[in-house]
Amino acid sequence: MASNEEITMDEDHFNMAVRKFLKEVGVTSQREIERLVRERDMKSTNLRLRMTLTSDDDPALKHVVETSIELR
């Protein structure tokens, strides 16, 4: 491939890959949160959570989501 050729991205494939990743993150994160709450004697009535999205390929990506879940 010549260096000046533009690489075209298959939008459908990209969207499906992102959705698959987000589904895996959501499902596994929910399992971990549920496990934590079941296995530990949580002293607080709230569980503070933070999810940080980064990429080894681009250090400029740092997206943080924070929330608090009421336990009782």
N, C-alpha and C. Protein backbone atom coordinates (compact mmCIF):
# COMPACT_ATOMS: atom_id res chain seq x y z
N MET A 1 0.85 -1.18 0.00
CA MET A 1 0.00 0.00 0.00
C MET A 1 0.90 1.24 0.00
N ALA A 2 0.59 2.17 -0.82
CA ALA A 2 1.37 3.42 -0.88
C ALA A 2 1.10 4.25 0.37
N SER A 3 2.09 5.02 0.78
CA SER A 3 1.98 5.77 2.02
C SER A 3 0.94 6.89 1.95
N ASN A 4 0.60 7.33 0.75
CA ASN A 4 -0.36 8.43 0.65
C ASN A 4 -1.80 7.97 0.48
N GLU A 5 -2.01 6.63 0.46
CA GLU A 5 -3.38 6.12 0.36
C GLU A 5 -4.07 6.27 1.71
N GLU A 6 -5.32 6.66 1.65
CA GLU A 6 -6.09 6.81 2.87
C GLU A 6 -6.70 5.47 3.24
N ILE A 7 -6.59 5.11 4.50
CA ILE A 7 -7.20 3.87 4.98
C ILE A 7 -8.67 4.17 5.28
N THR A 8 -9.56 3.41 4.66
CA THR A 8 -10.98 3.62 4.90
C THR A 8 -11.45 2.63 5.96
N MET A 9 -12.29 3.13 6.85
CA MET A 9 -12.80 2.33 7.93
C MET A 9 -14.21 1.85 7.59
N ASP A 10 -14.46 0.60 7.84
CA ASP A 10 -15.79 0.04 7.67
C ASP A 10 -16.62 0.47 8.89
N GLU A 11 -17.48 1.45 8.71
CA GLU A 11 -18.25 2.01 9.83
C GLU A 11 -19.10 0.97 10.55
N ASP A 12 -19.73 0.08 9.81
CA ASP A 12 -20.55 -0.95 10.44
C ASP A 12 -19.70 -1.87 11.32
N HIS A 13 -18.57 -2.28 10.80
CA HIS A 13 -17.67 -3.16 11.56
C HIS A 13 -17.16 -2.43 12.81
N PHE A 14 -16.78 -1.18 12.65
CA PHE A 14 -16.29 -0.38 13.77
C PHE A 14 -17.37 -0.24 14.85
N ASN A 15 -18.60 0.11 14.45
CA ASN A 15 -19.68 0.27 15.41
C ASN A 15 -19.98 -1.03 16.15
N MET A 16 -19.96 -2.15 15.44
CA MET A 16 -20.20 -3.44 16.08
C MET A 16 -19.08 -3.78 17.05
N ALA A 17 -17.85 -3.49 16.70
CA ALA A 17 -16.71 -3.76 17.60
C ALA A 17 -16.80 -2.92 18.86
N VAL A 18 -17.17 -1.64 18.72
CA VAL A 18 -17.31 -0.77 19.89
C VAL A 18 -18.45 -1.27 20.77
N ARG A 19 -19.57 -1.63 20.18
CA ARG A 19 -20.72 -2.13 20.95
C ARG A 19 -20.35 -3.42 21.69
N LYS A 20 -19.62 -4.30 21.04
CA LYS A 20 -19.19 -5.55 21.67
C LYS A 20 -18.30 -5.25 22.88
N PHE A 21 -17.37 -4.33 22.72
CA PHE A 21 -16.50 -3.93 23.81
C PHE A 21 -17.31 -3.36 24.97
N LEU A 22 -18.23 -2.44 24.67
CA LEU A 22 -19.03 -1.81 25.72
C LEU A 22 -19.94 -2.81 26.42
N LYS A 23 -20.45 -3.78 25.69
CA LYS A 23 -21.28 -4.82 26.30
C LYS A 23 -20.44 -5.65 27.26
N GLU A 24 -19.23 -6.01 26.85
CA GLU A 24 -18.34 -6.78 27.73
C GLU A 24 -18.00 -5.98 28.98
N VAL A 25 -17.69 -4.70 28.81
CA VAL A 25 -17.39 -3.84 29.96
C VAL A 25 -18.59 -3.78 30.90
N GLY A 26 -19.78 -3.58 30.33
CA GLY A 26 -20.97 -3.46 31.16
C GLY A 26 -21.31 -4.72 31.92
N VAL A 27 -21.27 -5.85 31.23
CA VAL A 27 -21.63 -7.13 31.86
C VAL A 27 -20.61 -7.51 32.93
N THR A 28 -19.33 -7.43 32.60
CA THR A 28 -18.32 -7.83 33.58
C THR A 28 -18.25 -6.86 34.75
N SER A 29 -18.47 -5.58 34.49
CA SER A 29 -18.47 -4.59 35.58
C SER A 29 -19.63 -4.82 36.53
N GLN A 30 -20.80 -5.10 35.98
CA GLN A 30 -21.97 -5.37 36.82
C GLN A 30 -21.71 -6.60 37.69
N ARG A 31 -21.14 -7.64 37.14
CA ARG A 31 -20.83 -8.85 37.91
C ARG A 31 -19.86 -8.54 39.06
N GLU A 32 -18.84 -7.74 38.77
CA GLU A 32 -17.86 -7.40 39.80
C GLU A 32 -18.48 -6.56 40.92
N ILE A 33 -19.33 -5.62 40.55
CA ILE A 33 -20.00 -4.79 41.57
C ILE A 33 -20.92 -5.66 42.43
N GLU A 34 -21.69 -6.53 41.80
CA GLU A 34 -22.59 -7.42 42.54
C GLU A 34 -21.81 -8.35 43.46
N ARG A 35 -20.68 -8.88 42.98
CA ARG A 35 -19.83 -9.75 43.80
C ARG A 35 -19.30 -9.01 45.01
N LEU A 36 -18.82 -7.80 44.79
CA LEU A 36 -18.29 -6.99 45.88
C LEU A 36 -19.34 -6.76 46.96
N VAL A 37 -20.53 -6.37 46.55
CA VAL A 37 -21.60 -6.07 47.52
C VAL A 37 -22.01 -7.34 48.26
N ARG A 38 -22.06 -8.48 47.57
CA ARG A 38 -22.45 -9.75 48.22
C ARG A 38 -21.40 -10.24 49.20
N GLU A 39 -20.12 -10.15 48.82
CA GLU A 39 -19.05 -10.77 49.60
C GLU A 39 -18.53 -9.92 50.74
N ARG A 40 -18.72 -8.64 50.69
CA ARG A 40 -18.17 -7.77 51.72
C ARG A 40 -19.28 -7.17 52.58
N ASP A 41 -18.94 -6.94 53.81
CA ASP A 41 -19.89 -6.28 54.70
C ASP A 41 -19.72 -4.78 54.49
N MET A 42 -20.53 -4.23 53.60
CA MET A 42 -20.40 -2.83 53.25
C MET A 42 -20.92 -1.97 54.40
N LYS A 43 -20.04 -1.16 54.96
CA LYS A 43 -20.39 -0.31 56.11
C LYS A 43 -21.16 0.93 55.67
N SER A 44 -20.99 1.32 54.45
CA SER A 44 -21.62 2.53 53.93
C SER A 44 -22.96 2.18 53.28
N THR A 45 -23.82 3.17 53.18
CA THR A 45 -25.08 2.96 52.47
C THR A 45 -24.95 3.31 51.00
N ASN A 46 -23.77 3.81 50.61
CA ASN A 46 -23.50 4.15 49.21
C ASN A 46 -22.20 3.50 48.77
N LEU A 47 -22.17 3.13 47.51
CA LEU A 47 -20.96 2.60 46.91
C LEU A 47 -20.53 3.58 45.83
N ARG A 48 -19.39 4.22 46.06
CA ARG A 48 -18.87 5.18 45.08
C ARG A 48 -18.07 4.41 44.03
N LEU A 49 -18.33 4.71 42.78
CA LEU A 49 -17.68 4.00 41.68
C LEU A 49 -17.06 4.99 40.70
N ARG A 50 -15.96 4.53 40.08
CA ARG A 50 -15.30 5.32 39.04
C ARG A 50 -14.84 4.36 37.95
N MET A 51 -15.15 4.70 36.72
CA MET A 51 -14.70 3.93 35.57
C MET A 51 -13.84 4.86 34.72
N THR A 52 -12.64 4.41 34.39
CA THR A 52 -11.74 5.21 33.57
C THR A 52 -11.43 4.46 32.28
N LEU A 53 -11.68 5.12 31.17
CA LEU A 53 -11.40 4.55 29.85
C LEU A 53 -10.11 5.19 29.32
N THR A 54 -9.14 4.34 29.02
CA THR A 54 -7.88 4.80 28.45
C THR A 54 -7.51 3.89 27.29
N SER A 55 -6.51 4.30 26.53
CA SER A 55 -6.01 3.49 25.43
C SER A 55 -4.49 3.51 25.44
N ASP A 56 -3.90 2.35 25.36
CA ASP A 56 -2.44 2.27 25.25
C ASP A 56 -1.95 2.88 23.95
N ASP A 57 -2.84 2.93 22.95
CA ASP A 57 -2.46 3.45 21.64
C ASP A 57 -2.55 4.96 21.53
N ASP A 58 -3.25 5.60 22.47
CA ASP A 58 -3.37 7.06 22.43
C ASP A 58 -3.55 7.59 23.84
N PRO A 59 -2.47 8.05 24.46
CA PRO A 59 -2.54 8.52 25.84
C PRO A 59 -3.46 9.73 26.03
N ALA A 60 -3.90 10.36 24.96
CA ALA A 60 -4.80 11.50 25.09
C ALA A 60 -6.20 11.06 25.53
N LEU A 61 -6.52 9.78 25.34
CA LEU A 61 -7.84 9.29 25.73
C LEU A 61 -7.86 9.00 27.22
N LYS A 62 -8.66 9.77 27.93
CA LYS A 62 -8.90 9.53 29.35
C LYS A 62 -10.31 10.03 29.65
N HIS A 63 -11.24 9.09 29.68
CA HIS A 63 -12.64 9.42 29.92
C HIS A 63 -13.04 8.80 31.25
N VAL A 64 -13.50 9.63 32.20
CA VAL A 64 -13.82 9.17 33.54
C VAL A 64 -15.31 9.35 33.79
N VAL A 65 -15.94 8.28 34.30
CA VAL A 65 -17.35 8.34 34.72
C VAL A 65 -17.39 7.99 36.20
N GLU A 66 -18.03 8.84 36.98
CA GLU A 66 -18.16 8.59 38.41
C GLU A 66 -19.62 8.62 38.81
N THR A 67 -19.95 7.76 39.78
CA THR A 67 -21.32 7.74 40.29
C THR A 67 -21.32 7.14 41.68
N SER A 68 -22.45 7.22 42.32
CA SER A 68 -22.65 6.62 43.63
C SER A 68 -23.93 5.82 43.58
N ILE A 69 -23.88 4.57 44.04
CA ILE A 69 -25.04 3.71 44.03
C ILE A 69 -25.52 3.52 45.46
N GLU A 70 -26.79 3.77 45.70
CA GLU A 70 -27.37 3.58 47.04
C GLU A 70 -27.56 2.09 47.28
N LEU A 71 -27.04 1.60 48.40
CA LEU A 71 -27.10 0.18 48.70
C LEU A 71 -28.30 -0.20 49.55
N ARG A 72 -28.84 0.73 50.32
CA ARG A 72 -29.96 0.39 51.22
C ARG A 72 -31.06 1.37 51.08
